[in-house]
């Protein structure tokens, strides 16, 4: 006995899947960008201010599905002392609280992308 199965429309299904995948990718990239902007804004708002230079140095490096928010300016190296404190100055953390706030928001950003 021989059984023959012929699948029709496979190319259409692949094309539709590929299009949906690209739509999801674009949405996730937008969610990552929005999340990194939120971290940057929260960090800047909470950062200790003397001249404001440290807060202004907090930047985003985005590569699509991944983003880094940080103080990448060597001229503001003292930011680490502000964040973690010294023997003479108590810590004034802003980076970790900002990241933790976004950690709570990010799943909803992704849910919105994947459900829409």
Foldseek 3Di string as FASTA:
>chain_A
DDDDDDDPCPVVVVVVVVVLVVLLLQLLLVLQVVLLVQLLVQLLVQQDDDPSPQNVQFDWDGDRNDIDTGRPDPVVVCSVCQQPPDPVGHHRHRNVVSNVVSVVVSVVSSVVSVVD
